[in-house]
């Protein structure tokens, strides 16, 4: 591995299930002498192999991969395995809900950029991250703290079935858990988010983007 001081070009890798994103970044980087696109992947399961083979300085990763927020799992795995603080992770998403910002921030992301941003803005965020900065949208730390914490994967599974009108018995069968465990999940979720009904919980999940597919 080359020593860090020898790096004069920022090595960038991209994990996104929309090939157009990687293509757009690659096209822009062709005219950026300080950046090099060293690899792309379209699935969360390929991220670790990409990082090991490409040795990027910065990983740009979409939150939503194959209809799930698997980018947060990629973030967690990348942060755990990082050596010498590399690669740093820039989360890219079509969602700007505070709960996703909070999840990325608390998960160790170095920055968060909306997919609605111009390509140059994304590349500027990459450069900022490589300099050791942490570009996040213009929200206050208080807003991040006040954002609802995302449910766990198991809790999201229960909410998804609940939002489809499933009964507790049906949720239990769908998740392979007991009805008592389902009831425990729902009591905890009602208390955590201050909702009084299954409908309110489902509406909160939709509003926060926990259940939706990325635009």
N, C-alpha and C. Protein backbone atom coordinates (compact mmCIF):
# COMPACT_ATOMS: atom_id res chain seq x y z
N UNK A 1 0.85 -1.20 0.00
CA UNK A 1 0.00 0.00 0.00
C UNK A 1 0.88 1.25 0.00
N UNK A 2 0.57 2.19 -0.84
CA UNK A 2 1.35 3.41 -0.89
C UNK A 2 1.14 4.24 0.36
N UNK A 3 2.19 4.91 0.87
CA UNK A 3 2.01 5.76 2.05
C UNK A 3 1.08 6.91 1.74
N UNK A 4 0.40 7.38 2.75
CA UNK A 4 -0.63 8.40 2.56
C UNK A 4 -0.08 9.66 1.94
N UNK A 5 1.17 10.05 2.33
CA UNK A 5 1.71 11.31 1.82
C UNK A 5 1.99 11.25 0.32
N UNK A 6 2.05 10.01 -0.26
CA UNK A 6 2.34 9.89 -1.67
C UNK A 6 1.11 10.11 -2.54
N UNK A 7 -0.06 10.16 -1.92
CA UNK A 7 -1.29 10.31 -2.68
C UNK A 7 -1.48 11.77 -3.09
N UNK A 8 -1.43 12.00 -4.39
CA UNK A 8 -1.65 13.35 -4.89
C UNK A 8 -3.00 13.43 -5.60
N UNK A 9 -3.62 12.29 -5.83
CA UNK A 9 -4.92 12.22 -6.47
C UNK A 9 -5.88 11.50 -5.53
N UNK A 10 -7.09 12.04 -5.39
CA UNK A 10 -8.10 11.43 -4.52
C UNK A 10 -8.71 10.25 -5.25
N UNK A 11 -8.59 9.07 -4.66
CA UNK A 11 -9.12 7.85 -5.26
C UNK A 11 -10.56 7.66 -4.77
N UNK A 12 -11.49 7.59 -5.72
CA UNK A 12 -12.91 7.58 -5.42
C UNK A 12 -13.55 6.29 -5.92
N UNK A 13 -14.36 5.66 -5.06
CA UNK A 13 -15.15 4.50 -5.46
C UNK A 13 -16.62 4.81 -5.20
N UNK A 14 -17.50 4.18 -5.97
CA UNK A 14 -18.93 4.48 -5.89
C UNK A 14 -19.73 3.18 -5.74
N UNK A 15 -20.66 3.17 -4.78
CA UNK A 15 -21.61 2.07 -4.64
C UNK A 15 -23.00 2.66 -4.82
N UNK A 16 -23.65 2.35 -5.92
CA UNK A 16 -24.98 2.89 -6.22
C UNK A 16 -25.66 1.96 -7.21
N UNK A 17 -26.92 1.62 -6.96
CA UNK A 17 -27.61 0.70 -7.87
C UNK A 17 -28.21 1.39 -9.08
N UNK A 18 -27.94 2.68 -9.23
CA UNK A 18 -28.31 3.39 -10.45
C UNK A 18 -27.02 3.64 -11.24
N UNK A 19 -26.74 2.87 -12.27
CA UNK A 19 -25.48 3.02 -13.02
C UNK A 19 -25.24 4.44 -13.53
N UNK A 20 -26.32 5.19 -13.75
CA UNK A 20 -26.16 6.54 -14.27
C UNK A 20 -25.39 7.43 -13.31
N UNK A 21 -25.51 7.16 -12.00
CA UNK A 21 -24.78 7.97 -11.02
C UNK A 21 -23.28 7.78 -11.19
N UNK A 22 -22.85 6.52 -11.23
CA UNK A 22 -21.42 6.26 -11.42
C UNK A 22 -20.92 6.81 -12.75
N UNK A 23 -21.76 6.68 -13.79
CA UNK A 23 -21.36 7.18 -15.10
C UNK A 23 -21.21 8.70 -15.10
N UNK A 24 -22.14 9.39 -14.44
CA UNK A 24 -22.07 10.85 -14.39
C UNK A 24 -20.84 11.31 -13.61
N UNK A 25 -20.57 10.65 -12.49
CA UNK A 25 -19.38 11.02 -11.72
C UNK A 25 -18.11 10.71 -12.51
N UNK A 26 -18.11 9.56 -13.18
CA UNK A 26 -16.94 9.20 -13.98
C UNK A 26 -16.67 10.19 -15.09
N UNK A 27 -17.74 10.64 -15.75
CA UNK A 27 -17.58 11.60 -16.84
C UNK A 27 -17.03 12.92 -16.32
N UNK A 28 -17.53 13.36 -15.17
CA UNK A 28 -17.05 14.62 -14.60
C UNK A 28 -15.60 14.51 -14.14
N UNK A 29 -15.23 13.34 -13.61
CA UNK A 29 -13.88 13.15 -13.09
C UNK A 29 -12.84 13.15 -14.20
N UNK A 30 -13.26 12.80 -15.42
CA UNK A 30 -12.33 12.81 -16.55
C UNK A 30 -11.68 14.18 -16.72
N UNK A 31 -12.37 15.22 -16.28
CA UNK A 31 -11.85 16.58 -16.42
C UNK A 31 -11.36 17.13 -15.09
N UNK A 32 -11.18 16.24 -14.09
CA UNK A 32 -10.73 16.68 -12.76
C UNK A 32 -9.40 15.99 -12.45
N UNK A 33 -8.29 16.68 -12.63
CA UNK A 33 -6.98 16.04 -12.44
C UNK A 33 -6.69 15.61 -11.01
N UNK A 34 -7.48 16.10 -10.06
CA UNK A 34 -7.24 15.73 -8.66
C UNK A 34 -8.08 14.54 -8.21
N UNK A 35 -8.87 13.96 -9.13
CA UNK A 35 -9.75 12.86 -8.77
C UNK A 35 -9.56 11.69 -9.73
N UNK A 36 -9.73 10.48 -9.18
CA UNK A 36 -9.66 9.28 -10.01
C UNK A 36 -10.75 8.30 -9.56
N UNK A 37 -11.60 7.87 -10.49
CA UNK A 37 -12.61 6.88 -10.20
C UNK A 37 -11.97 5.50 -10.32
N UNK A 38 -11.82 4.81 -9.17
CA UNK A 38 -11.07 3.55 -9.17
C UNK A 38 -11.97 2.31 -9.17
N UNK A 39 -13.29 2.51 -9.09
CA UNK A 39 -14.18 1.36 -9.15
C UNK A 39 -15.59 1.70 -8.78
N UNK A 40 -16.53 0.87 -9.24
CA UNK A 40 -17.95 1.06 -8.91
C UNK A 40 -18.56 -0.31 -8.59
N UNK A 41 -19.65 -0.27 -7.83
CA UNK A 41 -20.43 -1.46 -7.52
C UNK A 41 -21.89 -1.05 -7.48
N UNK A 42 -22.79 -2.01 -7.75
CA UNK A 42 -24.21 -1.70 -7.77
C UNK A 42 -24.99 -2.40 -6.67
N UNK A 43 -24.29 -3.11 -5.78
CA UNK A 43 -24.97 -3.84 -4.70
C UNK A 43 -24.15 -3.74 -3.42
N UNK A 44 -24.86 -3.75 -2.30
CA UNK A 44 -24.19 -3.66 -1.00
C UNK A 44 -23.21 -4.81 -0.80
N UNK A 45 -23.57 -6.00 -1.29
CA UNK A 45 -22.73 -7.16 -1.08
C UNK A 45 -21.39 -7.08 -1.79
N UNK A 46 -21.26 -6.18 -2.76
CA UNK A 46 -20.01 -6.04 -3.51
C UNK A 46 -19.11 -4.95 -2.95
N UNK A 47 -19.59 -4.22 -1.94
CA UNK A 47 -18.85 -3.06 -1.45
C UNK A 47 -17.51 -3.45 -0.83
N UNK A 48 -17.51 -4.48 0.01
CA UNK A 48 -16.27 -4.87 0.69
C UNK A 48 -15.20 -5.28 -0.31
N UNK A 49 -15.60 -6.05 -1.32
CA UNK A 49 -14.65 -6.47 -2.35
C UNK A 49 -14.12 -5.28 -3.13
N UNK A 50 -15.01 -4.34 -3.43
CA UNK A 50 -14.60 -3.13 -4.15
C UNK A 50 -13.56 -2.36 -3.35
N UNK A 51 -13.81 -2.18 -2.07
CA UNK A 51 -12.88 -1.42 -1.23
C UNK A 51 -11.53 -2.12 -1.14
N UNK A 52 -11.57 -3.46 -0.97
CA UNK A 52 -10.31 -4.21 -0.85
C UNK A 52 -9.49 -4.14 -2.13
N UNK A 53 -10.16 -4.20 -3.28
CA UNK A 53 -9.43 -4.23 -4.55
C UNK A 53 -9.04 -2.85 -5.05
N UNK A 54 -9.89 -1.85 -4.79
CA UNK A 54 -9.66 -0.51 -5.36
C UNK A 54 -8.90 0.42 -4.42
N UNK A 55 -8.93 0.14 -3.11
CA UNK A 55 -8.21 0.95 -2.13
C UNK A 55 -8.53 2.45 -2.26
N UNK A 56 -9.83 2.81 -2.17
CA UNK A 56 -10.19 4.22 -2.35
C UNK A 56 -9.89 5.07 -1.12
N UNK A 57 -9.75 6.36 -1.35
CA UNK A 57 -9.67 7.32 -0.25
C UNK A 57 -11.06 7.69 0.24
N UNK A 58 -12.01 7.77 -0.70
CA UNK A 58 -13.39 8.16 -0.40
C UNK A 58 -14.33 7.17 -1.08
N UNK A 59 -15.32 6.71 -0.34
CA UNK A 59 -16.37 5.86 -0.89
C UNK A 59 -17.67 6.65 -0.92
N UNK A 60 -18.24 6.82 -2.10
CA UNK A 60 -19.56 7.43 -2.24
C UNK A 60 -20.57 6.30 -2.28
N UNK A 61 -21.51 6.30 -1.32
CA UNK A 61 -22.43 5.18 -1.21
C UNK A 61 -23.86 5.67 -1.06
N UNK A 62 -24.74 5.13 -1.90
CA UNK A 62 -26.16 5.44 -1.81
C UNK A 62 -26.74 4.77 -0.57
N UNK A 63 -27.70 5.42 0.09
CA UNK A 63 -28.38 4.78 1.21
C UNK A 63 -29.24 3.63 0.72
N UNK A 64 -30.03 3.88 -0.34
CA UNK A 64 -31.00 2.88 -0.81
C UNK A 64 -30.39 2.04 -1.91
N UNK A 65 -30.22 0.74 -1.61
CA UNK A 65 -29.70 -0.21 -2.58
C UNK A 65 -30.68 -1.37 -2.68
N UNK A 66 -31.17 -1.63 -3.88
CA UNK A 66 -32.15 -2.70 -4.09
C UNK A 66 -33.38 -2.54 -3.21
N UNK A 67 -33.84 -1.30 -3.03
CA UNK A 67 -35.08 -1.04 -2.31
C UNK A 67 -34.97 -1.08 -0.80
N UNK A 68 -33.75 -1.18 -0.26
CA UNK A 68 -33.55 -1.21 1.18
C UNK A 68 -32.45 -0.21 1.56
N UNK A 69 -32.47 0.29 2.80
CA UNK A 69 -31.42 1.22 3.23
C UNK A 69 -30.11 0.50 3.55
N UNK A 70 -29.68 -0.37 2.62
CA UNK A 70 -28.50 -1.19 2.84
C UNK A 70 -27.22 -0.38 2.83
N UNK A 71 -27.27 0.85 2.33
CA UNK A 71 -26.09 1.69 2.35
C UNK A 71 -25.63 1.98 3.78
N UNK A 72 -26.56 1.98 4.72
CA UNK A 72 -26.18 2.18 6.12
C UNK A 72 -25.40 0.97 6.64
N UNK A 73 -25.71 -0.23 6.14
CA UNK A 73 -24.94 -1.41 6.50
C UNK A 73 -23.54 -1.33 5.90
N UNK A 74 -23.45 -0.85 4.66
CA UNK A 74 -22.15 -0.65 4.02
C UNK A 74 -21.33 0.35 4.82
N UNK A 75 -21.97 1.42 5.25
CA UNK A 75 -21.30 2.44 6.06
C UNK A 75 -20.73 1.81 7.32
N UNK A 76 -21.56 1.05 8.05
CA UNK A 76 -21.12 0.45 9.30
C UNK A 76 -19.94 -0.49 9.08
N UNK A 77 -20.01 -1.33 8.04
CA UNK A 77 -18.94 -2.27 7.77
C UNK A 77 -17.66 -1.55 7.36
N UNK A 78 -17.79 -0.48 6.59
CA UNK A 78 -16.63 0.27 6.12
C UNK A 78 -15.94 0.98 7.28
N UNK A 79 -16.73 1.58 8.16
CA UNK A 79 -16.15 2.26 9.32
C UNK A 79 -15.42 1.26 10.22
N UNK A 80 -16.01 0.07 10.40
CA UNK A 80 -15.38 -0.94 11.25
C UNK A 80 -14.05 -1.42 10.68
N UNK A 81 -13.98 -1.55 9.36
CA UNK A 81 -12.79 -2.14 8.75
C UNK A 81 -11.78 -1.11 8.26
N UNK A 82 -12.07 0.18 8.41
CA UNK A 82 -11.19 1.22 7.89
C UNK A 82 -9.81 1.14 8.53
N UNK A 83 -8.80 1.36 7.69
CA UNK A 83 -7.42 1.40 8.18
C UNK A 83 -6.85 2.78 7.87
N UNK A 84 -6.20 3.35 8.87
CA UNK A 84 -5.65 4.70 8.71
C UNK A 84 -6.73 5.70 8.32
N UNK A 85 -7.97 5.43 8.81
CA UNK A 85 -9.08 6.35 8.55
C UNK A 85 -9.59 6.32 7.13
N UNK A 86 -9.24 5.33 6.35
CA UNK A 86 -9.67 5.25 4.96
C UNK A 86 -10.40 3.93 4.70
N UNK A 87 -11.35 3.94 3.77
CA UNK A 87 -11.89 5.13 3.11
C UNK A 87 -12.89 5.86 4.00
N UNK A 88 -12.98 7.16 3.81
CA UNK A 88 -14.06 7.91 4.44
C UNK A 88 -15.29 7.79 3.54
N UNK A 89 -16.47 7.85 4.15
CA UNK A 89 -17.70 7.55 3.41
C UNK A 89 -18.56 8.80 3.25
N UNK A 90 -18.91 9.07 1.99
CA UNK A 90 -19.88 10.11 1.66
C UNK A 90 -21.19 9.43 1.31
N UNK A 91 -22.21 9.66 2.11
CA UNK A 91 -23.53 9.08 1.84
C UNK A 91 -24.26 9.94 0.82
N UNK A 92 -24.80 9.27 -0.19
CA UNK A 92 -25.54 9.93 -1.26
C UNK A 92 -26.96 9.40 -1.24
N UNK A 93 -27.95 10.28 -1.26
CA UNK A 93 -29.33 9.80 -1.19
C UNK A 93 -30.32 10.78 -1.77
N UNK A 94 -31.44 10.21 -2.22
CA UNK A 94 -32.56 11.03 -2.66
C UNK A 94 -33.45 11.45 -1.52
N UNK A 95 -33.15 10.96 -0.30
CA UNK A 95 -33.92 11.29 0.89
C UNK A 95 -33.18 12.31 1.74
N UNK A 96 -33.89 13.33 2.21
CA UNK A 96 -33.28 14.33 3.08
C UNK A 96 -33.95 14.37 4.45
N UNK A 97 -34.71 13.32 4.82
CA UNK A 97 -35.36 13.32 6.12
C UNK A 97 -34.31 13.33 7.23
N UNK A 98 -34.59 14.09 8.31
CA UNK A 98 -33.63 14.17 9.41
C UNK A 98 -33.23 12.82 9.99
N UNK A 99 -34.14 11.84 9.96
CA UNK A 99 -33.80 10.54 10.55
C UNK A 99 -32.68 9.86 9.76
N UNK A 100 -32.65 10.05 8.44
CA UNK A 100 -31.57 9.48 7.65
C UNK A 100 -30.27 10.24 7.88
N UNK A 101 -30.38 11.56 8.01
CA UNK A 101 -29.20 12.36 8.35
C UNK A 101 -28.61 11.88 9.67
N UNK A 102 -29.48 11.66 10.64
CA UNK A 102 -29.03 11.23 11.96
C UNK A 102 -28.36 9.86 11.87
N UNK A 103 -28.98 8.93 11.14
CA UNK A 103 -28.41 7.59 11.02
C UNK A 103 -27.04 7.64 10.36
N UNK A 104 -26.89 8.46 9.33
CA UNK A 104 -25.59 8.58 8.66
C UNK A 104 -24.57 9.23 9.58
N UNK A 105 -24.98 10.29 10.25
CA UNK A 105 -24.08 11.03 11.15
C UNK A 105 -23.60 10.12 12.28
N UNK A 106 -24.54 9.44 12.93
CA UNK A 106 -24.18 8.58 14.05
C UNK A 106 -23.44 7.33 13.59
N UNK A 107 -23.64 6.92 12.34
CA UNK A 107 -22.97 5.74 11.83
C UNK A 107 -21.54 5.97 11.41
N UNK A 108 -21.09 7.23 11.44
CA UNK A 108 -19.70 7.52 11.11
C UNK A 108 -19.46 8.04 9.71
N UNK A 109 -20.52 8.43 9.00
CA UNK A 109 -20.33 9.00 7.67
C UNK A 109 -19.55 10.31 7.78
N UNK A 110 -18.71 10.56 6.79
CA UNK A 110 -17.95 11.81 6.77
C UNK A 110 -18.74 12.94 6.13
N UNK A 111 -19.84 12.61 5.44
CA UNK A 111 -20.65 13.63 4.82
C UNK A 111 -21.91 13.01 4.23
N UNK A 112 -22.84 13.88 3.82
CA UNK A 112 -24.14 13.44 3.30
C UNK A 112 -24.56 14.45 2.24
N UNK A 113 -24.82 13.94 1.04
CA UNK A 113 -25.18 14.83 -0.08
C UNK A 113 -26.43 14.29 -0.76
N UNK A 114 -27.33 15.18 -1.12
CA UNK A 114 -28.54 14.79 -1.82
C UNK A 114 -28.23 14.46 -3.28
N UNK A 115 -28.95 13.47 -3.81
CA UNK A 115 -28.81 13.14 -5.21
C UNK A 115 -29.29 14.26 -6.12
N UNK A 116 -30.06 15.18 -5.56
CA UNK A 116 -30.52 16.32 -6.34
C UNK A 116 -29.41 17.34 -6.56
N UNK A 117 -28.29 17.18 -5.87
CA UNK A 117 -27.18 18.13 -5.99
C UNK A 117 -26.52 17.99 -7.36
N UNK A 118 -25.98 19.08 -7.90
CA UNK A 118 -25.20 18.99 -9.14
C UNK A 118 -23.99 18.07 -8.94
N UNK A 119 -23.55 17.45 -10.02
CA UNK A 119 -22.41 16.54 -9.93
C UNK A 119 -21.19 17.25 -9.32
N UNK A 120 -20.99 18.50 -9.70
CA UNK A 120 -19.82 19.23 -9.17
C UNK A 120 -19.91 19.40 -7.65
N UNK A 121 -21.14 19.56 -7.15
CA UNK A 121 -21.31 19.70 -5.70
C UNK A 121 -20.93 18.38 -5.00
N UNK A 122 -21.28 17.26 -5.62
CA UNK A 122 -20.90 15.96 -5.06
C UNK A 122 -19.39 15.81 -5.06
N UNK A 123 -18.74 16.20 -6.15
CA UNK A 123 -17.29 16.10 -6.22
C UNK A 123 -16.62 17.06 -5.25
N UNK A 124 -17.21 18.22 -5.04
CA UNK A 124 -16.66 19.15 -4.04
C UNK A 124 -16.75 18.55 -2.65
N UNK A 125 -17.84 17.82 -2.38
CA UNK A 125 -17.98 17.15 -1.09
C UNK A 125 -16.92 16.06 -0.94
N UNK A 126 -16.63 15.35 -2.03
CA UNK A 126 -15.56 14.35 -2.00
C UNK A 126 -14.23 15.00 -1.64
N UNK A 127 -13.95 16.13 -2.27
CA UNK A 127 -12.69 16.84 -1.99
C UNK A 127 -12.64 17.29 -0.53
N UNK A 128 -13.78 17.80 -0.03
CA UNK A 128 -13.83 18.26 1.36
C UNK A 128 -13.57 17.11 2.32
N UNK A 129 -14.16 15.96 2.03
CA UNK A 129 -13.95 14.78 2.88
C UNK A 129 -12.50 14.35 2.86
N UNK A 130 -11.88 14.38 1.68
CA UNK A 130 -10.47 14.00 1.57
C UNK A 130 -9.58 14.95 2.36
N UNK A 131 -10.02 16.20 2.54
CA UNK A 131 -9.26 17.17 3.34
C UNK A 131 -9.51 17.00 4.83
N UNK A 132 -10.42 16.10 5.18
CA UNK A 132 -10.73 15.88 6.59
C UNK A 132 -11.95 16.62 7.08
N UNK A 133 -12.68 17.28 6.17
CA UNK A 133 -13.89 18.00 6.56
C UNK A 133 -15.08 17.04 6.59
N UNK A 134 -16.19 17.52 7.13
CA UNK A 134 -17.40 16.68 7.24
C UNK A 134 -18.60 17.45 6.68
N UNK A 135 -18.77 17.45 5.38
CA UNK A 135 -19.88 18.19 4.77
C UNK A 135 -21.22 17.50 4.98
N UNK A 136 -22.08 18.14 5.73
CA UNK A 136 -23.47 17.69 5.90
C UNK A 136 -24.37 18.85 5.49
N UNK A 137 -25.64 18.58 5.15
CA UNK A 137 -26.56 19.66 4.80
C UNK A 137 -26.68 20.69 5.92
N UNK A 138 -27.19 21.83 5.57
CA UNK A 138 -27.28 22.94 6.53
C UNK A 138 -28.39 22.68 7.54
N UNK A 139 -28.16 21.72 8.41
CA UNK A 139 -29.06 21.46 9.52
C UNK A 139 -28.24 21.56 10.79
N UNK A 140 -28.86 21.98 11.86
CA UNK A 140 -28.14 22.15 13.10
C UNK A 140 -27.97 20.82 13.81
N UNK A 141 -26.99 20.76 14.73
CA UNK A 141 -26.82 19.56 15.53
C UNK A 141 -28.07 19.29 16.36
N UNK A 142 -28.76 20.35 16.74
CA UNK A 142 -30.00 20.16 17.50
C UNK A 142 -31.03 19.44 16.64
N UNK A 143 -31.11 19.81 15.37
CA UNK A 143 -32.06 19.14 14.47
C UNK A 143 -31.71 17.67 14.33
N UNK A 144 -30.42 17.36 14.25
CA UNK A 144 -29.99 15.97 14.17
C UNK A 144 -30.35 15.21 15.44
N UNK A 145 -30.16 15.85 16.57
CA UNK A 145 -30.48 15.19 17.84
C UNK A 145 -31.98 14.96 17.97
N UNK A 146 -32.77 15.90 17.48
CA UNK A 146 -34.22 15.81 17.64
C UNK A 146 -34.86 14.89 16.60
N UNK A 147 -34.12 14.52 15.57
CA UNK A 147 -34.68 13.65 14.54
C UNK A 147 -35.02 12.29 15.13
N UNK A 148 -36.13 11.70 14.71
CA UNK A 148 -36.47 10.37 15.22
C UNK A 148 -35.42 9.34 14.81
N UNK A 149 -35.02 8.52 15.76
CA UNK A 149 -34.05 7.48 15.47
C UNK A 149 -34.71 6.39 14.61
N UNK A 150 -34.01 5.95 13.57
CA UNK A 150 -34.55 4.91 12.70
C UNK A 150 -34.76 3.62 13.48
N UNK A 151 -35.85 2.93 13.21
CA UNK A 151 -36.06 1.62 13.85
C UNK A 151 -34.99 0.63 13.40
N UNK A 152 -34.87 -0.44 14.17
CA UNK A 152 -33.97 -1.52 13.78
C UNK A 152 -34.53 -2.24 12.55
N UNK A 153 -33.71 -3.10 11.96
CA UNK A 153 -34.15 -3.86 10.79
C UNK A 153 -35.38 -4.70 11.12
N UNK A 154 -35.38 -5.36 12.29
CA UNK A 154 -36.53 -6.17 12.68
C UNK A 154 -37.76 -5.30 12.93
N UNK A 155 -37.56 -4.14 13.57
CA UNK A 155 -38.69 -3.24 13.81
C UNK A 155 -39.25 -2.71 12.51
N UNK A 156 -38.37 -2.40 11.55
CA UNK A 156 -38.85 -1.92 10.25
C UNK A 156 -39.65 -3.00 9.54
N UNK A 157 -39.24 -4.26 9.71
CA UNK A 157 -40.01 -5.35 9.12
C UNK A 157 -41.41 -5.39 9.67
N UNK A 158 -41.53 -5.19 10.99
CA UNK A 158 -42.85 -5.19 11.61
C UNK A 158 -43.68 -4.00 11.13
N UNK A 159 -43.06 -2.83 11.05
CA UNK A 159 -43.78 -1.63 10.61
C UNK A 159 -44.23 -1.78 9.16
N UNK A 160 -43.38 -2.37 8.33
CA UNK A 160 -43.74 -2.55 6.92
C UNK A 160 -44.98 -3.42 6.77
N UNK A 161 -45.02 -4.51 7.52
CA UNK A 161 -46.20 -5.38 7.47
C UNK A 161 -47.41 -4.71 8.08
N UNK A 162 -47.20 -3.99 9.17
CA UNK A 162 -48.29 -3.25 9.82
C UNK A 162 -48.90 -2.25 8.84
N UNK A 163 -48.04 -1.54 8.10
CA UNK A 163 -48.52 -0.53 7.16
C UNK A 163 -49.34 -1.15 6.03
N UNK A 164 -49.14 -2.44 5.79
CA UNK A 164 -49.91 -3.14 4.76
C UNK A 164 -51.21 -3.70 5.31
N UNK A 165 -51.45 -3.45 6.61
CA UNK A 165 -52.69 -3.89 7.21
C UNK A 165 -52.62 -5.24 7.89
N UNK A 166 -51.41 -5.77 8.09
CA UNK A 166 -51.27 -7.09 8.71
C UNK A 166 -51.63 -7.03 10.19
N UNK A 167 -52.23 -8.10 10.68
CA UNK A 167 -52.51 -8.23 12.11
C UNK A 167 -51.24 -8.65 12.84
N UNK A 168 -51.28 -8.64 14.17
CA UNK A 168 -50.13 -9.08 14.94
C UNK A 168 -49.78 -10.53 14.61
N UNK A 169 -50.80 -11.38 14.45
CA UNK A 169 -50.56 -12.78 14.10
C UNK A 169 -49.85 -12.88 12.75
N UNK A 170 -50.29 -12.07 11.79
CA UNK A 170 -49.69 -12.11 10.45
C UNK A 170 -48.27 -11.57 10.46
N UNK A 171 -48.03 -10.54 11.28
CA UNK A 171 -46.67 -10.00 11.41
C UNK A 171 -45.76 -11.06 12.01
N UNK A 172 -46.25 -11.77 13.03
CA UNK A 172 -45.46 -12.81 13.67
C UNK A 172 -45.06 -13.89 12.66
N UNK A 173 -46.01 -14.32 11.84
CA UNK A 173 -45.72 -15.33 10.83
C UNK A 173 -44.73 -14.78 9.80
N UNK A 174 -44.96 -13.54 9.37
CA UNK A 174 -44.09 -12.94 8.35
C UNK A 174 -42.66 -12.79 8.79
N UNK A 175 -42.45 -12.52 10.08
CA UNK A 175 -41.10 -12.30 10.58
C UNK A 175 -40.51 -13.53 11.26
N UNK A 176 -41.33 -14.55 11.44
CA UNK A 176 -40.84 -15.76 12.10
C UNK A 176 -40.57 -15.57 13.58
N UNK A 177 -41.41 -14.74 14.23
CA UNK A 177 -41.26 -14.49 15.66
C UNK A 177 -42.61 -14.74 16.33
N UNK A 178 -42.62 -14.68 17.65
CA UNK A 178 -43.87 -14.93 18.37
C UNK A 178 -44.75 -13.69 18.38
N UNK A 179 -46.03 -13.90 18.60
CA UNK A 179 -46.96 -12.78 18.71
C UNK A 179 -46.57 -11.89 19.88
N UNK A 180 -46.11 -12.50 20.97
CA UNK A 180 -45.70 -11.73 22.14
C UNK A 180 -44.53 -10.80 21.80
N UNK A 181 -43.62 -11.28 20.96
CA UNK A 181 -42.49 -10.43 20.54
C UNK A 181 -42.98 -9.28 19.67
N UNK A 182 -43.96 -9.57 18.80
CA UNK A 182 -44.54 -8.50 17.97
C UNK A 182 -45.16 -7.44 18.88
N UNK A 183 -45.93 -7.86 19.85
CA UNK A 183 -46.57 -6.92 20.76
C UNK A 183 -45.52 -6.09 21.50
N UNK A 184 -44.42 -6.72 21.88
CA UNK A 184 -43.34 -6.00 22.56
C UNK A 184 -42.72 -4.96 21.64
N UNK A 185 -42.47 -5.35 20.39
CA UNK A 185 -41.94 -4.40 19.40
C UNK A 185 -42.86 -3.19 19.28
N UNK A 186 -44.14 -3.44 19.13
CA UNK A 186 -45.09 -2.34 18.89
C UNK A 186 -45.22 -1.44 20.11
N UNK A 187 -45.24 -2.02 21.32
CA UNK A 187 -45.28 -1.17 22.53
C UNK A 187 -44.06 -0.27 22.59
N UNK A 188 -42.91 -0.84 22.28
CA UNK A 188 -41.68 -0.05 22.31
C UNK A 188 -41.71 1.06 21.27
N UNK A 189 -42.18 0.75 20.08
CA UNK A 189 -42.25 1.74 19.00
C UNK A 189 -43.26 2.84 19.33
N UNK A 190 -44.42 2.48 19.89
CA UNK A 190 -45.42 3.48 20.26
C UNK A 190 -44.83 4.44 21.29
N UNK A 191 -44.12 3.90 22.27
CA UNK A 191 -43.55 4.76 23.31
C UNK A 191 -42.42 5.61 22.79
N UNK A 192 -41.57 5.03 21.94
CA UNK A 192 -40.40 5.77 21.44
C UNK A 192 -40.82 6.97 20.60
N UNK A 193 -41.84 6.77 19.76
CA UNK A 193 -42.21 7.82 18.81
C UNK A 193 -43.44 8.61 19.24
N UNK A 194 -43.98 8.30 20.39
CA UNK A 194 -45.11 9.06 20.91
C UNK A 194 -46.35 8.97 20.06
N UNK A 195 -46.59 7.80 19.47
CA UNK A 195 -47.80 7.60 18.66
C UNK A 195 -48.79 6.76 19.46
N UNK A 196 -50.06 6.89 19.11
CA UNK A 196 -51.11 6.23 19.88
C UNK A 196 -51.82 5.12 19.12
N UNK A 197 -51.49 4.96 17.85
CA UNK A 197 -52.20 3.95 17.06
C UNK A 197 -51.29 3.38 15.98
N UNK A 198 -51.71 2.26 15.43
CA UNK A 198 -50.97 1.64 14.34
C UNK A 198 -50.95 2.56 13.12
N UNK A 199 -52.05 3.27 12.90
CA UNK A 199 -52.11 4.19 11.76
C UNK A 199 -51.10 5.31 11.91
N UNK A 200 -51.00 5.88 13.11
CA UNK A 200 -50.02 6.96 13.34
C UNK A 200 -48.60 6.46 13.13
N UNK A 201 -48.31 5.23 13.56
CA UNK A 201 -46.98 4.67 13.38
C UNK A 201 -46.68 4.48 11.90
N UNK A 202 -47.65 3.97 11.17
CA UNK A 202 -47.46 3.77 9.73
C UNK A 202 -47.26 5.11 9.02
N UNK A 203 -48.03 6.12 9.40
CA UNK A 203 -47.90 7.44 8.77
C UNK A 203 -46.53 8.05 9.07
N UNK A 204 -46.03 7.86 10.30
CA UNK A 204 -44.71 8.36 10.65
C UNK A 204 -43.64 7.69 9.78
N UNK A 205 -43.77 6.38 9.61
CA UNK A 205 -42.79 5.65 8.82
C UNK A 205 -42.78 6.13 7.36
N UNK A 206 -43.96 6.38 6.82
CA UNK A 206 -44.05 6.88 5.45
C UNK A 206 -43.45 8.28 5.36
N UNK A 207 -43.79 9.14 6.32
CA UNK A 207 -43.30 10.52 6.32
C UNK A 207 -41.78 10.59 6.41
N UNK A 208 -41.19 9.70 7.21
CA UNK A 208 -39.75 9.71 7.40
C UNK A 208 -39.01 8.96 6.29
N UNK A 209 -39.77 8.33 5.38
CA UNK A 209 -39.13 7.64 4.27
C UNK A 209 -38.58 6.27 4.62
N UNK A 210 -38.97 5.72 5.78
CA UNK A 210 -38.43 4.43 6.21
C UNK A 210 -38.90 3.27 5.34
N UNK A 211 -40.05 3.42 4.70
CA UNK A 211 -40.63 2.31 3.96
C UNK A 211 -40.56 2.49 2.45
N UNK A 212 -40.32 3.71 2.02
CA UNK A 212 -40.46 3.99 0.58
C UNK A 212 -39.24 3.58 -0.21
N UNK A 213 -39.45 3.37 -1.49
CA UNK A 213 -38.36 3.15 -2.43
C UNK A 213 -37.81 4.51 -2.81
N UNK A 214 -36.54 4.54 -3.09
CA UNK A 214 -35.90 5.82 -3.43
C UNK A 214 -36.44 6.34 -4.75
N UNK A 215 -36.68 7.68 -4.83
CA UNK A 215 -37.17 8.25 -6.08
C UNK A 215 -36.17 8.03 -7.21
